Amino acid sequence: MTYYKIAKVLGKSYSSVYMKLKKRKKNYWSVEEDRFIIENYPRMSVREIADALGRSKTSVSSKIRELRKKGKIKNRGYPMPKYLHDLTSTTTPSFSSSS
């Protein structure tokens, strides 16, 4: 039955029926989706994972956060960019004066 028909039967507006049913809808994560994220997160972006799973970027980010808390995945461990590495270096730069 369509939202329009439900609204007509209940004597409610389409938008009130749509919003009420949308709030009740839960998109549970399958074991296969969890496995896909765990296996592909190190080499795929959140956007690529979201597109592959047909999920929003926000929901994938939330799932990644949840999987991190459970210890199923770790941070990507990106190497520190060179400019930051240079700033945090423990060696002091040597300045030579040339005359």
Foldseek 3Di string as FASTA:
>chain_A
DDLVVVCVVVVHDSVVSVVVVVVVDDDDDDPVLLVCCLVCVLPDDLVVSCVVVVHDSVVSVVVVVVCVVVVSHDPNPDDDDPVVCVVPDPDDDDDDDDD
